[in-house]
């Protein structure tokens, strides 16, 4: 019966708490509905300038933080990106060599055409 008495006391405490919450239900609901953004913090006039500077710094910090977080998120992808860049560089070098060969062929063909027209 000792354990039953303990459980009974716990349930009684919970019941009393819930009754108190129900009594304050109306005020709690009004407090929850009221938007928090309309609360004003009392700041003395001499400190207004510092609050504005603080908010400016906070916005700059958040912008930089987003940039840094994006960099950190992309860090695991760096090896893959480097490999893709190496592949792209190799392909570009091959295309440059092909373009140089094609340019030489065009110049040779132009010389041959000049000789044919001059004859």
C-alpha atoms as a PDB file:
ATOM      1  CA  UNK A   1       0.000   0.000   0.000  1.00  0.00           C
ATOM      2  CA  UNK A   2       2.980   2.267   0.423  1.00  0.00           C
ATOM      3  CA  UNK A   3       3.550   2.408  -3.358  1.00  0.00           C
ATOM      4  CA  UNK A   4      -0.134   2.956  -3.944  1.00  0.00           C
ATOM      5  CA  UNK A   5      -0.056   5.896  -1.515  1.00  0.00           C
ATOM      6  CA  UNK A   6       2.945   7.407  -3.361  1.00  0.00           C
ATOM      7  CA  UNK A   7       1.231   7.065  -6.717  1.00  0.00           C
ATOM      8  CA  UNK A   8      -1.949   8.540  -5.270  1.00  0.00           C
ATOM      9  CA  UNK A   9      -0.035  11.573  -3.973  1.00  0.00           C
ATOM     10  CA  UNK A  10       1.675  12.040  -7.354  1.00  0.00           C
ATOM     11  CA  UNK A  11      -1.658  11.855  -9.173  1.00  0.00           C
ATOM     12  CA  UNK A  12      -3.187  14.259  -6.661  1.00  0.00           C
ATOM     13  CA  UNK A  13      -0.337  16.759  -7.254  1.00  0.00           C
ATOM     14  CA  UNK A  14      -0.751  16.447 -11.017  1.00  0.00           C
ATOM     15  CA  UNK A  15      -4.503  16.912 -10.678  1.00  0.00           C
ATOM     16  CA  UNK A  16      -4.026  20.066  -8.584  1.00  0.00           C
ATOM     17  CA  UNK A  17      -1.552  21.414 -11.139  1.00  0.00           C
ATOM     18  CA  UNK A  18      -3.907  20.731 -14.052  1.00  0.00           C
ATOM     19  CA  UNK A  19      -6.788  22.390 -12.196  1.00  0.00           C
ATOM     20  CA  UNK A  20      -4.625  25.479 -11.689  1.00  0.00           C
ATOM     21  CA  UNK A  21      -3.702  25.477 -15.378  1.00  0.00           C
ATOM     22  CA  UNK A  22      -7.353  25.209 -16.381  1.00  0.00           C
ATOM     23  CA  UNK A  23      -8.196  28.144 -14.113  1.00  0.00           C
ATOM     24  CA  UNK A  24      -5.530  30.212 -15.857  1.00  0.00           C
ATOM     25  CA  UNK A  25      -6.438  28.862 -19.301  1.00  0.00           C
ATOM     26  CA  UNK A  26      -7.871  32.159 -20.486  1.00  0.00           C
ATOM     27  CA  UNK A  27      -4.833  34.223 -19.510  1.00  0.00           C
ATOM     28  CA  UNK A  28      -2.468  31.582 -20.861  1.00  0.00           C
ATOM     29  CA  UNK A  29      -4.302  31.523 -24.181  1.00  0.00           C
ATOM     30  CA  UNK A  30      -4.131  35.308 -24.437  1.00  0.00           C
ATOM     31  CA  UNK A  31      -0.400  35.259 -23.654  1.00  0.00           C
ATOM     32  CA  UNK A  32       0.209  32.565 -26.275  1.00  0.00           C
ATOM     33  CA  UNK A  33      -1.814  34.370 -28.944  1.00  0.00           C
ATOM     34  CA  UNK A  34      -0.077  37.697 -28.369  1.00  0.00           C
ATOM     35  CA  UNK A  35       2.817  38.040 -30.843  1.00  0.00           C
ATOM     36  CA  UNK A  36       6.173  38.271 -29.128  1.00  0.00           C
ATOM     37  CA  UNK A  37       7.580  40.677 -31.706  1.00  0.00           C
ATOM     38  CA  UNK A  38       5.438  43.482 -30.340  1.00  0.00           C
ATOM     39  CA  UNK A  39       7.185  43.376 -27.006  1.00  0.00           C
ATOM     40  CA  UNK A  40       9.460  46.323 -26.468  1.00  0.00           C
ATOM     41  CA  UNK A  41      12.696  46.161 -24.588  1.00  0.00           C
ATOM     42  CA  UNK A  42      13.243  49.205 -22.420  1.00  0.00           C
ATOM     43  CA  UNK A  43      16.506  50.735 -23.596  1.00  0.00           C
ATOM     44  CA  UNK A  44      17.671  54.016 -22.231  1.00  0.00           C
ATOM     45  CA  UNK A  45      18.143  56.793 -24.797  1.00  0.00           C
ATOM     46  CA  UNK A  46      21.956  57.063 -24.506  1.00  0.00           C
ATOM     47  CA  UNK A  47      22.254  53.422 -25.586  1.00  0.00           C
ATOM     48  CA  UNK A  48      20.073  53.631 -28.724  1.00  0.00           C
ATOM     49  CA  UNK A  49      23.101  54.363 -30.917  1.00  0.00           C
ATOM     50  CA  UNK A  50      24.846  51.257 -29.620  1.00  0.00           C
ATOM     51  CA  UNK A  51      21.768  49.107 -30.190  1.00  0.00           C
ATOM     52  CA  UNK A  52      21.639  50.247 -33.831  1.00  0.00           C
ATOM     53  CA  UNK A  53      25.338  49.430 -34.253  1.00  0.00           C
ATOM     54  CA  UNK A  54      24.802  46.068 -32.580  1.00  0.00           C
ATOM     55  CA  UNK A  55      21.931  45.224 -34.925  1.00  0.00           C
ATOM     56  CA  UNK A  56      24.046  46.206 -37.943  1.00  0.00           C
ATOM     57  CA  UNK A  57      26.850  43.965 -36.720  1.00  0.00           C
ATOM     58  CA  UNK A  58      24.373  41.161 -36.039  1.00  0.00           C
ATOM     59  CA  UNK A  59      23.025  41.322 -39.598  1.00  0.00           C
ATOM     60  CA  UNK A  60      26.557  41.306 -41.026  1.00  0.00           C
ATOM     61  CA  UNK A  61      27.468  38.377 -38.780  1.00  0.00           C
ATOM     62  CA  UNK A  62      24.430  36.397 -39.916  1.00  0.00           C
ATOM     63  CA  UNK A  63      25.264  37.039 -43.579  1.00  0.00           C
ATOM     64  CA  UNK A  64      28.865  35.926 -43.055  1.00  0.00           C
ATOM     65  CA  UNK A  65      27.723  32.956 -41.002  1.00  0.00           C
ATOM     66  CA  UNK A  66      25.497  31.753 -43.841  1.00  0.00           C
ATOM     67  CA  UNK A  67      28.413  32.057 -46.253  1.00  0.00           C
ATOM     68  CA  UNK A  68      30.740  30.189 -43.904  1.00  0.00           C
ATOM     69  CA  UNK A  69      28.153  27.473 -43.281  1.00  0.00           C
ATOM     70  CA  UNK A  70      27.727  27.015 -47.006  1.00  0.00           C
ATOM     71  CA  UNK A  71      31.502  26.673 -47.358  1.00  0.00           C
ATOM     72  CA  UNK A  72      31.640  24.112 -44.563  1.00  0.00           C
ATOM     73  CA  UNK A  73      28.759  22.158 -46.081  1.00  0.00           C
ATOM     74  CA  UNK A  74      30.556  22.013 -49.426  1.00  0.00           C
ATOM     75  CA  UNK A  75      33.897  20.942 -47.912  1.00  0.00           C
ATOM     76  CA  UNK A  76      33.230  17.191 -48.296  1.00  0.00           C
ATOM     77  CA  UNK A  77      32.578  17.791 -51.995  1.00  0.00           C
ATOM     78  CA  UNK A  78      35.955  19.458 -52.630  1.00  0.00           C
ATOM     79  CA  UNK A  79      37.793  16.273 -53.718  1.00  0.00           C
ATOM     80  CA  UNK A  80      35.028  15.487 -56.198  1.00  0.00           C
ATOM     81  CA  UNK A  81      35.046  19.064 -57.485  1.00  0.00           C
ATOM     82  CA  UNK A  82      38.838  18.995 -57.864  1.00  0.00           C
ATOM     83  CA  UNK A  83      38.633  15.736 -59.815  1.00  0.00           C
ATOM     84  CA  UNK A  84      35.947  17.237 -62.059  1.00  0.00           C
ATOM     85  CA  UNK A  85      38.110  20.336 -62.592  1.00  0.00           C
ATOM     86  CA  UNK A  86      41.116  18.156 -63.503  1.00  0.00           C
ATOM     87  CA  UNK A  87      38.974  16.249 -65.994  1.00  0.00           C
ATOM     88  CA  UNK A  88      37.679  19.501 -67.480  1.00  0.00           C
ATOM     89  CA  UNK A  89      41.237  20.863 -67.711  1.00  0.00           C
ATOM     90  CA  UNK A  90      42.405  17.715 -69.515  1.00  0.00           C
ATOM     91  CA  UNK A  91      39.504  17.929 -71.959  1.00  0.00           C
ATOM     92  CA  UNK A  92      40.275  21.612 -72.561  1.00  0.00           C
ATOM     93  CA  UNK A  93      43.928  20.825 -73.268  1.00  0.00           C
ATOM     94  CA  UNK A  94      42.884  18.136 -75.766  1.00  0.00           C
ATOM     95  CA  UNK A  95      40.523  20.584 -77.472  1.00  0.00           C
ATOM     96  CA  UNK A  96      43.293  23.210 -77.640  1.00  0.00           C
ATOM     97  CA  UNK A  97      45.645  20.697 -79.296  1.00  0.00           C
ATOM     98  CA  UNK A  98      42.926  19.701 -81.769  1.00  0.00           C
ATOM     99  CA  UNK A  99      42.239  23.360 -82.516  1.00  0.00           C
ATOM    100  CA  UNK A 100      45.953  24.027 -83.125  1.00  0.00           C
ATOM    101  CA  UNK A 101      46.152  21.058 -85.518  1.00  0.00           C
ATOM    102  CA  UNK A 102      43.035  22.225 -87.315  1.00  0.00           C
ATOM    103  CA  UNK A 103      44.467  25.742 -87.592  1.00  0.00           C
ATOM    104  CA  UNK A 104      47.667  24.364 -89.119  1.00  0.00           C
ATOM    105  CA  UNK A 105      45.652  22.314 -91.620  1.00  0.00           C
ATOM    106  CA  UNK A 106      43.575  25.365 -92.576  1.00  0.00           C
ATOM    107  CA  UNK A 107      46.740  27.443 -93.085  1.00  0.00           C
ATOM    108  CA  UNK A 108      48.273  24.695 -95.264  1.00  0.00           C
ATOM    109  CA  UNK A 109      45.059  24.397 -97.261  1.00  0.00           C
ATOM    110  CA  UNK A 110      45.036  28.189 -97.734  1.00  0.00           C
ATOM    111  CA  UNK A 111      48.617  28.087 -99.037  1.00  0.00           C
ATOM    112  CA  UNK A 112      47.694  25.298-101.456  1.00  0.00           C
ATOM    113  CA  UNK A 113      44.675  27.283-102.656  1.00  0.00           C
ATOM    114  CA  UNK A 114      46.837  30.375-103.209  1.00  0.00           C
ATOM    115  CA  UNK A 115      49.269  28.315-105.282  1.00  0.00           C
ATOM    116  CA  UNK A 116      46.462  26.814-107.346  1.00  0.00           C
ATOM    117  CA  UNK A 117      44.941  30.210-108.052  1.00  0.00           C
ATOM    118  CA  UNK A 118      48.268  31.794-108.927  1.00  0.00           C
ATOM    119  CA  UNK A 119      49.009  29.056-111.485  1.00  0.00           C
END
